[in-house]
PDB file of N, CA and C in Angstrom:
ATOM      1  N   MET A   1     -53.651  69.801  40.733  1.00  0.00           N
ATOM      2  CA  MET A   1     -52.449  69.199  40.186  1.00  0.00           C
ATOM      3  C   MET A   1     -51.230  69.922  40.761  1.00  0.00           C
ATOM      4  N   PRO A   2     -50.287  69.174  41.319  1.00  0.00           N
ATOM      5  CA  PRO A   2     -49.102  69.819  41.899  1.00  0.00           C
ATOM      6  C   PRO A   2     -48.279  70.543  40.839  1.00  0.00           C
ATOM      7  N   TYR A   3     -47.544  71.531  41.315  1.00  0.00           N
ATOM      8  CA  TYR A   3     -46.741  72.353  40.422  1.00  0.00           C
ATOM      9  C   TYR A   3     -45.692  71.545  39.669  1.00  0.00           C
ATOM     10  N   TYR A   4     -44.993  70.651  40.325  1.00  0.00           N
ATOM     11  CA  TYR A   4     -43.918  69.888  39.691  1.00  0.00           C
ATOM     12  C   TYR A   4     -44.447  68.966  38.603  1.00  0.00           C
ATOM     13  N   VAL A   5     -45.684  68.478  38.709  1.00  0.00           N
ATOM     14  CA  VAL A   5     -46.267  67.635  37.661  1.00  0.00           C
ATOM     15  C   VAL A   5     -46.582  68.472  36.436  1.00  0.00           C
ATOM     16  N   ARG A   6     -47.172  69.651  36.659  1.00  0.00           N
ATOM     17  CA  ARG A   6     -47.448  70.538  35.528  1.00  0.00           C
ATOM     18  C   ARG A   6     -46.163  70.961  34.850  1.00  0.00           C
ATOM     19  N   SER A   7     -45.190  71.227  35.603  1.00  0.00           N
ATOM     20  CA  SER A   7     -43.914  71.649  35.053  1.00  0.00           C
ATOM     21  C   SER A   7     -43.296  70.539  34.214  1.00  0.00           C
ATOM     22  N   THR A   8     -43.352  69.319  34.701  1.00  0.00           N
ATOM     23  CA  THR A   8     -42.806  68.189  33.965  1.00  0.00           C
ATOM     24  C   THR A   8     -43.601  67.957  32.686  1.00  0.00           C
ATOM     25  N   ALA A   9     -44.921  68.015  32.781  1.00  0.00           N
ATOM     26  CA  ALA A   9     -45.763  67.824  31.602  1.00  0.00           C
ATOM     27  C   ALA A   9     -45.545  68.942  30.597  1.00  0.00           C
ATOM     28  N   THR A  10     -45.469  70.169  31.071  1.00  0.00           N
ATOM     29  CA  THR A  10     -45.249  71.313  30.182  1.00  0.00           C
ATOM     30  C   THR A  10     -43.893  71.189  29.504  1.00  0.00           C
ATOM     31  N   THR A  11     -42.884  70.814  30.256  1.00  0.00           N
ATOM     32  CA  THR A  11     -41.545  70.641  29.692  1.00  0.00           C
ATOM     33  C   THR A  11     -41.550  69.549  28.628  1.00  0.00           C
ATOM     34  N   PHE A  12     -42.264  68.476  28.926  1.00  0.00           N
ATOM     35  CA  PHE A  12     -42.346  67.381  27.963  1.00  0.00           C
ATOM     36  C   PHE A  12     -42.986  67.839  26.655  1.00  0.00           C
ATOM     37  N   PHE A  13     -44.108  68.571  26.747  1.00  0.00           N
ATOM     38  CA  PHE A  13     -44.795  69.031  25.538  1.00  0.00           C
ATOM     39  C   PHE A  13     -43.976  70.056  24.766  1.00  0.00           C
ATOM     40  N   ILE A  14     -43.289  70.913  25.466  1.00  0.00           N
ATOM     41  CA  ILE A  14     -42.432  71.904  24.798  1.00  0.00           C
ATOM     42  C   ILE A  14     -41.305  71.195  24.055  1.00  0.00           C
ATOM     43  N   THR A  15     -40.686  70.222  24.705  1.00  0.00           N
ATOM     44  CA  THR A  15     -39.613  69.449  24.074  1.00  0.00           C
ATOM     45  C   THR A  15     -40.133  68.695  22.861  1.00  0.00           C
ATOM     46  N   LEU A  16     -41.316  68.119  23.002  1.00  0.00           N
ATOM     47  CA  LEU A  16     -41.923  67.376  21.899  1.00  0.00           C
ATOM     48  C   LEU A  16     -42.201  68.278  20.706  1.00  0.00           C
ATOM     49  N   LYS A  17     -42.708  69.476  20.953  1.00  0.00           N
ATOM     50  CA  LYS A  17     -42.979  70.427  19.869  1.00  0.00           C
ATOM     51  C   LYS A  17     -41.689  70.842  19.163  1.00  0.00           C
ATOM     52  N   LYS A  18     -40.624  71.065  19.939  1.00  0.00           N
ATOM     53  CA  LYS A  18     -39.341  71.450  19.351  1.00  0.00           C
ATOM     54  C   LYS A  18     -38.800  70.343  18.454  1.00  0.00           C
ATOM     55  N   GLU A  19     -38.856  69.105  18.930  1.00  0.00           N
ATOM     56  CA  GLU A  19     -38.361  67.978  18.140  1.00  0.00           C
ATOM     57  C   GLU A  19     -39.192  67.793  16.871  1.00  0.00           C
ATOM     58  N   ALA A  20     -40.488  68.004  16.979  1.00  0.00           N
ATOM     59  CA  ALA A  20     -41.348  67.863  15.803  1.00  0.00           C
ATOM     60  C   ALA A  20     -41.036  68.945  14.784  1.00  0.00           C
ATOM     61  N   ALA A  21     -40.731  70.138  15.254  1.00  0.00           N
ATOM     62  CA  ALA A  21     -40.409  71.227  14.336  1.00  0.00           C
ATOM     63  C   ALA A  21     -39.062  71.003  13.655  1.00  0.00           C
ATOM     64  N   ILE A  22     -38.133  70.415  14.368  1.00  0.00           N
ATOM     65  CA  ILE A  22     -36.799  70.179  13.818  1.00  0.00           C
ATOM     66  C   ILE A  22     -36.796  69.030  12.811  1.00  0.00           C
ATOM     67  N   SER A  23     -37.455  67.953  13.169  1.00  0.00           N
ATOM     68  CA  SER A  23     -37.413  66.773  12.303  1.00  0.00           C
ATOM     69  C   SER A  23     -38.381  66.942  11.137  1.00  0.00           C
ATOM     70  N   LYS A  24     -37.935  66.544   9.990  1.00  0.00           N
ATOM     71  CA  LYS A  24     -38.778  66.575   8.792  1.00  0.00           C
ATOM     72  C   LYS A  24     -39.226  65.149   8.531  1.00  0.00           C
ATOM     73  N   LYS A  25     -40.515  64.967   8.486  1.00  0.00           N
ATOM     74  CA  LYS A  25     -41.037  63.627   8.271  1.00  0.00           C
ATOM     75  C   LYS A  25     -41.691  63.573   6.908  1.00  0.00           C
ATOM     76  N   TYR A  26     -41.041  62.897   5.993  1.00  0.00           N
ATOM     77  CA  TYR A  26     -41.584  62.695   4.661  1.00  0.00           C
ATOM     78  C   TYR A  26     -40.955  61.438   4.072  1.00  0.00           C
ATOM     79  N   ILE A  27     -41.558  60.966   3.027  1.00  0.00           N
ATOM     80  CA  ILE A  27     -41.045  59.773   2.356  1.00  0.00           C
ATOM     81  C   ILE A  27     -40.199  60.227   1.178  1.00  0.00           C
ATOM     82  N   HIS A  28     -39.013  59.705   1.097  1.00  0.00           N
ATOM     83  CA  HIS A  28     -38.119  60.054  -0.001  1.00  0.00           C
ATOM     84  C   HIS A  28     -38.660  59.503  -1.321  1.00  0.00           C
ATOM     85  N   PRO A  29     -38.489  60.232  -2.416  1.00  0.00           N
ATOM     86  CA  PRO A  29     -38.959  59.746  -3.726  1.00  0.00           C
ATOM     87  C   PRO A  29     -38.324  58.412  -4.127  1.00  0.00           C
ATOM     88  N   GLU A  30     -37.112  58.174  -3.653  1.00  0.00           N
ATOM     89  CA  GLU A  30     -36.448  56.911  -3.977  1.00  0.00           C
ATOM     90  C   GLU A  30     -37.206  55.720  -3.393  1.00  0.00           C
ATOM     91  N   ALA A  31     -37.868  55.941  -2.281  1.00  0.00           N
ATOM     92  CA  ALA A  31     -38.639  54.856  -1.669  1.00  0.00           C
ATOM     93  C   ALA A  31     -39.806  54.465  -2.564  1.00  0.00           C
ATOM     94  N   PHE A  32     -40.462  55.445  -3.166  1.00  0.00           N
ATOM     95  CA  PHE A  32     -41.556  55.136  -4.079  1.00  0.00           C
ATOM     96  C   PHE A  32     -41.056  54.357  -5.290  1.00  0.00           C
ATOM     97  N   GLU A  33     -39.905  54.743  -5.790  1.00  0.00           N
ATOM     98  CA  GLU A  33     -39.321  54.049  -6.941  1.00  0.00           C
ATOM     99  C   GLU A  33     -38.968  52.606  -6.569  1.00  0.00           C
ATOM    100  N   LEU A  34     -38.442  52.413  -5.382  1.00  0.00           N
ATOM    101  CA  LEU A  34     -38.103  51.071  -4.920  1.00  0.00           C
ATOM    102  C   LEU A  34     -39.354  50.198  -4.817  1.00  0.00           C
ATOM    103  N   VAL A  35     -40.413  50.741  -4.254  1.00  0.00           N
ATOM    104  CA  VAL A  35     -41.669  49.996  -4.132  1.00  0.00           C
ATOM    105  C   VAL A  35     -42.230  49.680  -5.510  1.00  0.00           C
ATOM    106  N   ARG A  36     -42.171  50.646  -6.423  1.00  0.00           N
ATOM    107  CA  ARG A  36     -42.671  50.428  -7.782  1.00  0.00           C
ATOM    108  C   ARG A  36     -41.903  49.324  -8.482  1.00  0.00           C
ATOM    109  N   ARG A  37     -40.580  49.335  -8.338  1.00  0.00           N
ATOM    110  CA  ARG A  37     -39.766  48.287  -8.960  1.00  0.00           C
ATOM    111  C   ARG A  37     -40.069  46.912  -8.386  1.00  0.00           C
ATOM    112  N   GLU A  38     -40.246  46.842  -7.072  1.00  0.00           N
ATOM    113  CA  GLU A  38     -40.564  45.567  -6.438  1.00  0.00           C
ATOM    114  C   GLU A  38     -41.930  45.060  -6.895  1.00  0.00           C
ATOM    115  N   LEU A  39     -42.900  45.950  -6.990  1.00  0.00           N
ATOM    116  CA  LEU A  39     -44.220  45.553  -7.492  1.00  0.00           C
ATOM    117  C   LEU A  39     -44.118  45.072  -8.930  1.00  0.00           C
ATOM    118  N   PHE A  40     -43.359  45.790  -9.740  1.00  0.00           N
ATOM    119  CA  PHE A  40     -43.151  45.423 -11.137  1.00  0.00           C
ATOM    120  C   PHE A  40     -42.565  44.022 -11.233  1.00  0.00           C
ATOM    121  N   LYS A  41     -41.535  43.768 -10.432  1.00  0.00           N
ATOM    122  CA  LYS A  41     -40.860  42.469 -10.472  1.00  0.00           C
ATOM    123  C   LYS A  41     -41.799  41.352 -10.014  1.00  0.00           C
ATOM    124  N   GLU A  42     -42.511  41.578  -8.924  1.00  0.00           N
ATOM    125  CA  GLU A  42     -43.410  40.563  -8.377  1.00  0.00           C
ATOM    126  C   GLU A  42     -44.554  40.248  -9.333  1.00  0.00           C
ATOM    127  N   VAL A  43     -45.148  41.272  -9.906  1.00  0.00           N
ATOM    128  CA  VAL A  43     -46.262  41.081 -10.842  1.00  0.00           C
ATOM    129  C   VAL A  43     -45.790  40.338 -12.082  1.00  0.00           C
ATOM    130  N   THR A  44     -44.637  40.715 -12.578  1.00  0.00           N
ATOM    131  CA  THR A  44     -44.085  40.074 -13.771  1.00  0.00           C
ATOM    132  C   THR A  44     -43.812  38.596 -13.518  1.00  0.00           C
ATOM    133  N   LEU A  45     -43.171  38.301 -12.401  1.00  0.00           N
ATOM    134  CA  LEU A  45     -42.849  36.904 -12.089  1.00  0.00           C
ATOM    135  C   LEU A  45     -44.102  36.059 -11.906  1.00  0.00           C
ATOM    136  N   ARG A  46     -45.108  36.602 -11.252  1.00  0.00           N
ATOM    137  CA  ARG A  46     -46.349  35.841 -11.050  1.00  0.00           C
ATOM    138  C   ARG A  46     -47.056  35.561 -12.371  1.00  0.00           C
ATOM    139  N   PHE A  47     -47.084  36.550 -13.248  1.00  0.00           N
ATOM    140  CA  PHE A  47     -47.752  36.372 -14.532  1.00  0.00           C
ATOM    141  C   PHE A  47     -47.034  35.324 -15.374  1.00  0.00           C
ATOM    142  N   ILE A  48     -45.723  35.428 -15.457  1.00  0.00           N
ATOM    143  CA  ILE A  48     -44.940  34.467 -16.240  1.00  0.00           C
ATOM    144  C   ILE A  48     -45.081  33.062 -15.651  1.00  0.00           C
ATOM    145  N   ASP A  49     -45.026  32.965 -14.330  1.00  0.00           N
ATOM    146  CA  ASP A  49     -45.173  31.670 -13.675  1.00  0.00           C
ATOM    147  C   ASP A  49     -46.550  31.070 -13.952  1.00  0.00           C
ATOM    148  N   SER A  50     -47.584  31.887 -13.886  1.00  0.00           N
ATOM    149  CA  SER A  50     -48.945  31.393 -14.156  1.00  0.00           C
ATOM    150  C   SER A  50     -49.085  30.908 -15.591  1.00  0.00           C
ATOM    151  N   LEU A  51     -48.522  31.657 -16.520  1.00  0.00           N
ATOM    152  CA  LEU A  51     -48.587  31.242 -17.928  1.00  0.00           C
ATOM    153  C   LEU A  51     -47.854  29.925 -18.157  1.00  0.00           C
ATOM    154  N   LYS A  52     -46.681  29.794 -17.559  1.00  0.00           N
ATOM    155  CA  LYS A  52     -45.908  28.561 -17.737  1.00  0.00           C
ATOM    156  C   LYS A  52     -46.620  27.355 -17.133  1.00  0.00           C
ATOM    157  N   ARG A  53     -47.175  27.533 -15.932  1.00  0.00           N
ATOM    158  CA  ARG A  53     -47.881  26.422 -15.299  1.00  0.00           C
ATOM    159  C   ARG A  53     -49.128  26.024 -16.086  1.00  0.00           C
ATOM    160  N   LEU A  54     -49.827  27.020 -16.635  1.00  0.00           N
ATOM    161  CA  LEU A  54     -51.010  26.715 -17.432  1.00  0.00           C
ATOM    162  C   LEU A  54     -50.626  25.972 -18.706  1.00  0.00           C
ATOM    163  N   ALA A  55     -49.562  26.414 -19.368  1.00  0.00           N
ATOM    164  CA  ALA A  55     -49.112  25.730 -20.580  1.00  0.00           C
ATOM    165  C   ALA A  55     -48.691  24.296 -20.265  1.00  0.00           C
ATOM    166  N   LYS A  56     -47.983  24.105 -19.172  1.00  0.00           N
ATOM    167  CA  LYS A  56     -47.543  22.770 -18.774  1.00  0.00           C
ATOM    168  C   LYS A  56     -48.739  21.876 -18.456  1.00  0.00           C
ATOM    169  N   LEU A  57     -49.726  22.427 -17.779  1.00  0.00           N
ATOM    170  CA  LEU A  57     -50.914  21.668 -17.409  1.00  0.00           C
ATOM    171  C   LEU A  57     -51.740  21.291 -18.633  1.00  0.00           C
ATOM    172  N   GLN A  58     -51.806  22.189 -19.590  1.00  0.00           N
ATOM    173  CA  GLN A  58     -52.569  21.907 -20.810  1.00  0.00           C
ATOM    174  C   GLN A  58     -51.861  20.892 -21.694  1.00  0.00           C
ATOM    175  N   LYS A  59     -50.534  20.861 -21.659  1.00  0.00           N
ATOM    176  CA  LYS A  59     -49.785  19.886 -22.461  1.00  0.00           C
ATOM    177  C   LYS A  59     -49.956  18.463 -21.944  1.00  0.00           C
ATOM    178  N   THR A  60     -50.065  18.310 -20.631  1.00  0.00           N
ATOM    179  CA  THR A  60     -50.158  16.966 -20.072  1.00  0.00           C
ATOM    180  C   THR A  60     -51.527  16.334 -20.304  1.00  0.00           C
ATOM    181  N   ASN A  61     -52.557  17.141 -20.438  1.00  0.00           N
ATOM    182  CA  ASN A  61     -53.927  16.668 -20.694  1.00  0.00           C
ATOM    183  C   ASN A  61     -54.448  15.712 -19.632  1.00  0.00           C
ATOM    184  N   THR A  62     -53.771  15.600 -18.515  1.00  0.00           N
ATOM    185  CA  THR A  62     -54.254  14.756 -17.429  1.00  0.00           C
ATOM    186  C   THR A  62     -54.666  15.609 -16.235  1.00  0.00           C
ATOM    187  N   SER A  63     -55.020  16.835 -16.535  1.00  0.00           N
ATOM    188  CA  SER A  63     -55.332  17.762 -15.452  1.00  0.00           C
ATOM    189  C   SER A  63     -56.741  17.564 -14.919  1.00  0.00           C
ATOM    190  N   LYS A  64     -56.880  17.892 -13.698  1.00  0.00           N
ATOM    191  CA  LYS A  64     -58.183  17.854 -13.062  1.00  0.00           C
ATOM    192  C   LYS A  64     -58.877  19.187 -13.317  1.00  0.00           C
ATOM    193  N   GLU A  65     -60.184  19.156 -13.420  1.00  0.00           N
ATOM    194  CA  GLU A  65     -60.949  20.380 -13.687  1.00  0.00           C
ATOM    195  C   GLU A  65     -60.747  21.411 -12.588  1.00  0.00           C
ATOM    196  N   ASN A  66     -60.727  20.960 -11.345  1.00  0.00           N
ATOM    197  CA  ASN A  66     -60.575  21.874 -10.219  1.00  0.00           C
ATOM    198  C   ASN A  66     -59.216  22.572 -10.263  1.00  0.00           C
ATOM    199  N   GLU A  67     -58.171  21.806 -10.560  1.00  0.00           N
ATOM    200  CA  GLU A  67     -56.821  22.360 -10.639  1.00  0.00           C
ATOM    201  C   GLU A  67     -56.700  23.366 -11.788  1.00  0.00           C
ATOM    202  N   LEU A  68     -57.298  23.021 -12.918  1.00  0.00           N
ATOM    203  CA  LEU A  68     -57.270  23.915 -14.076  1.00  0.00           C
ATOM    204  C   LEU A  68     -58.031  25.199 -13.792  1.00  0.00           C
ATOM    205  N   LYS A  69     -59.168  25.084 -13.129  1.00  0.00           N
ATOM    206  CA  LYS A  69     -59.960  26.263 -12.796  1.00  0.00           C
ATOM    207  C   LYS A  69     -59.193  27.183 -11.853  1.00  0.00           C
ATOM    208  N   GLN A  70     -58.543  26.608 -10.863  1.00  0.00           N
ATOM    209  CA  GLN A  70     -57.768  27.392  -9.916  1.00  0.00           C
ATOM    210  C   GLN A  70     -56.608  28.116 -10.611  1.00  0.00           C
ATOM    211  N   LEU A  71     -55.940  27.417 -11.503  1.00  0.00           N
ATOM    212  CA  LEU A  71     -54.823  28.016 -12.229  1.00  0.00           C
ATOM    213  C   LEU A  71     -55.294  29.146 -13.145  1.00  0.00           C
ATOM    214  N   LYS A  72     -56.441  28.970 -13.763  1.00  0.00           N
ATOM    215  CA  LYS A  72     -56.985  30.038 -14.619  1.00  0.00           C
ATOM    216  C   LYS A  72     -57.352  31.271 -13.786  1.00  0.00           C
ATOM    217  N   GLU A  73     -57.850  31.051 -12.570  1.00  0.00           N
ATOM    218  CA  GLU A  73     -58.153  32.187 -11.686  1.00  0.00           C
ATOM    219  C   GLU A  73     -56.876  32.922 -11.296  1.00  0.00           C
ATOM    220  N   GLU A  74     -55.819  32.173 -11.000  1.00  0.00           N
ATOM    221  CA  GLU A  74     -54.529  32.788 -10.676  1.00  0.00           C
ATOM    222  C   GLU A  74     -53.993  33.581 -11.865  1.00  0.00           C
ATOM    223  N   LEU A  75     -54.155  33.017 -13.056  1.00  0.00           N
ATOM    224  CA  LEU A  75     -53.701  33.710 -14.258  1.00  0.00           C
ATOM    225  C   LEU A  75     -54.493  34.992 -14.473  1.00  0.00           C
ATOM    226  N   ALA A  76     -55.789  34.939 -14.251  1.00  0.00           N
ATOM    227  CA  ALA A  76     -56.617  36.137 -14.405  1.00  0.00           C
ATOM    228  C   ALA A  76     -56.216  37.212 -13.395  1.00  0.00           C
ATOM    229  N   THR A  77     -55.935  36.797 -12.178  1.00  0.00           N
ATOM    230  CA  THR A  77     -55.510  37.746 -11.149  1.00  0.00           C
ATOM    231  C   THR A  77     -54.173  38.383 -11.508  1.00  0.00           C
ATOM    232  N   SER A  78     -53.238  37.576 -11.949  1.00  0.00           N
ATOM    233  CA  SER A  78     -51.924  38.116 -12.314  1.00  0.00           C
ATOM    234  C   SER A  78     -52.021  38.983 -13.567  1.00  0.00           C
ATOM    235  N   PHE A  79     -52.942  38.660 -14.471  1.00  0.00           N
ATOM    236  CA  PHE A  79     -53.156  39.459 -15.670  1.00  0.00           C
ATOM    237  C   PHE A  79     -53.658  40.855 -15.290  1.00  0.00           C
ATOM    238  N   VAL A  80     -54.624  40.910 -14.384  1.00  0.00           N
ATOM    239  CA  VAL A  80     -55.158  42.204 -13.930  1.00  0.00           C
ATOM    240  C   VAL A  80     -54.083  43.002 -13.207  1.00  0.00           C
ATOM    241  N   ALA A  81     -53.266  42.327 -12.398  1.00  0.00           N
ATOM    242  CA  ALA A  81     -52.173  43.018 -11.706  1.00  0.00           C
ATOM    243  C   ALA A  81     -51.181  43.597 -12.708  1.00  0.00           C
ATOM    244  N   CYS A  82     -50.898  42.855 -13.779  1.00  0.00           N
ATOM    245  CA  CYS A  82     -50.002  43.366 -14.825  1.00  0.00           C
ATOM    246  C   CYS A  82     -50.597  44.609 -15.475  1.00  0.00           C
ATOM    247  N   LEU A  83     -51.870  44.566 -15.747  1.00  0.00           N
ATOM    248  CA  LEU A  83     -52.513  45.728 -16.358  1.00  0.00           C
ATOM    249  C   LEU A  83     -52.480  46.940 -15.432  1.00  0.00           C
ATOM    250  N   MET A  84     -52.554  46.684 -14.136  1.00  0.00           N
ATOM    251  CA  MET A  84     -52.544  47.792 -13.174  1.00  0.00           C
ATOM    252  C   MET A  84     -51.156  48.406 -12.999  1.00  0.00           C
ATOM    253  N   TYR A  85     -50.128  47.582 -12.935  1.00  0.00           N
ATOM    254  CA  TYR A  85     -48.806  48.072 -12.560  1.00  0.00           C
ATOM    255  C   TYR A  85     -47.841  48.291 -13.720  1.00  0.00           C
ATOM    256  N   LEU A  86     -48.094  47.685 -14.861  1.00  0.00           N
ATOM    257  CA  LEU A  86     -47.161  47.797 -15.969  1.00  0.00           C
ATOM    258  C   LEU A  86     -47.726  48.694 -17.066  1.00  0.00           C
ATOM    259  N   SER A  87     -46.823  49.303 -17.804  1.00  0.00           N
ATOM    260  CA  SER A  87     -47.268  50.059 -18.969  1.00  0.00           C
ATOM    261  C   SER A  87     -47.654  49.067 -20.069  1.00  0.00           C
ATOM    262  N   GLN A  88     -48.366  49.546 -21.064  1.00  0.00           N
ATOM    263  CA  GLN A  88     -48.793  48.661 -22.159  1.00  0.00           C
ATOM    264  C   GLN A  88     -47.594  48.079 -22.889  1.00  0.00           C
ATOM    265  N   HIS A  89     -46.589  48.886 -23.085  1.00  0.00           N
ATOM    266  CA  HIS A  89     -45.392  48.429 -23.788  1.00  0.00           C
ATOM    267  C   HIS A  89     -44.689  47.311 -23.004  1.00  0.00           C
ATOM    268  N   GLU A  90     -44.520  47.501 -21.701  1.00  0.00           N
ATOM    269  CA  GLU A  90     -43.873  46.484 -20.870  1.00  0.00           C
ATOM    270  C   GLU A  90     -44.696  45.203 -20.842  1.00  0.00           C
ATOM    271  N   PHE A  91     -46.011  45.350 -20.765  1.00  0.00           N
ATOM    272  CA  PHE A  91     -46.880  44.180 -20.744  1.00  0.00           C
ATOM    273  C   PHE A  91     -46.784  43.391 -22.046  1.00  0.00           C
ATOM    274  N   ARG A  92     -46.767  44.103 -23.175  1.00  0.00           N
ATOM    275  CA  ARG A  92     -46.625  43.425 -24.487  1.00  0.00           C
ATOM    276  C   ARG A  92     -45.315  42.664 -24.569  1.00  0.00           C
ATOM    277  N   LYS A  93     -44.218  43.283 -24.092  1.00  0.00           N
ATOM    278  CA  LYS A  93     -42.918  42.612 -24.122  1.00  0.00           C
ATOM    279  C   LYS A  93     -42.936  41.321 -23.317  1.00  0.00           C
ATOM    280  N   ILE A  94     -43.538  41.357 -22.149  1.00  0.00           N
ATOM    281  CA  ILE A  94     -43.612  40.160 -21.304  1.00  0.00           C
ATOM    282  C   ILE A  94     -44.468  39.093 -21.967  1.00  0.00           C
ATOM    283  N   LYS A  95     -45.578  39.509 -22.529  1.00  0.00           N
ATOM    284  CA  LYS A  95     -46.483  38.564 -23.176  1.00  0.00           C
ATOM    285  C   LYS A  95     -45.816  37.904 -24.385  1.00  0.00           C
ATOM    286  N   GLU A  96     -45.111  38.694 -25.187  1.00  0.00           N
ATOM    287  CA  GLU A  96     -44.397  38.150 -26.356  1.00  0.00           C
ATOM    288  C   GLU A  96     -43.294  37.194 -25.913  1.00  0.00           C
ATOM    289  N   LYS A  97     -42.589  37.569 -24.846  1.00  0.00           N
ATOM    290  CA  LYS A  97     -41.518  36.699 -24.349  1.00  0.00           C
ATOM    291  C   LYS A  97     -42.074  35.360 -23.878  1.00  0.00           C
ATOM    292  N   CYS A  98     -43.220  35.389 -23.236  1.00  0.00           N
ATOM    293  CA  CYS A  98     -43.841  34.150 -22.756  1.00  0.00           C
ATOM    294  C   CYS A  98     -44.340  33.288 -23.909  1.00  0.00           C
ATOM    295  N   THR A  99     -44.938  33.893 -24.898  1.00  0.00           N
ATOM    296  CA  THR A  99     -45.453  33.107 -26.007  1.00  0.00           C
ATOM    297  C   THR A  99     -44.309  32.523 -26.834  1.00  0.00           C
ATOM    298  N   GLN A 100     -43.201  33.249 -26.966  1.00  0.00           N
ATOM    299  CA  GLN A 100     -42.054  32.732 -27.704  1.00  0.00           C
ATOM    300  C   GLN A 100     -41.404  31.577 -26.940  1.00  0.00           C
ATOM    301  N   SER A 101     -41.336  31.672 -25.639  1.00  0.00           N
ATOM    302  CA  SER A 101     -40.706  30.596 -24.870  1.00  0.00           C
ATOM    303  C   SER A 101     -41.612  29.369 -24.806  1.00  0.00           C
ATOM    304  N   ALA A 102     -42.918  29.573 -24.958  1.00  0.00           N
ATOM    305  CA  ALA A 102     -43.856  28.441 -24.947  1.00  0.00           C
ATOM    306  C   ALA A 102     -43.780  27.642 -26.252  1.00  0.00           C
ATOM    307  N   LEU A 103     -43.362  28.296 -27.321  1.00  0.00           N
ATOM    308  CA  LEU A 103     -43.248  27.622 -28.606  1.00  0.00           C
ATOM    309  C   LEU A 103     -42.017  26.771 -28.612  1.00  0.00           C
TER     310      LEU A 103
END
């Protein structure tokens, strides 16, 4: 290997090590909070939407079995997501709000 190639490669690696030592690579705590809030919002909206669509479908009584089954699966999925991402208190509040609006 010629000298100038080794020198260029060595210089590159030395520069790379210096930049890596200078730069701090980490995720800010605010980013985690932002992701948590977005997940909270998305899960909440999906659950409420599933409940409303199911209530609407049950009121019309002209639903197809396949459509009802699919909607119940979506509701079950959103229910599990709510249990995973929301606290019990937040989940109860959402559930009460949905049942009150359905009445």
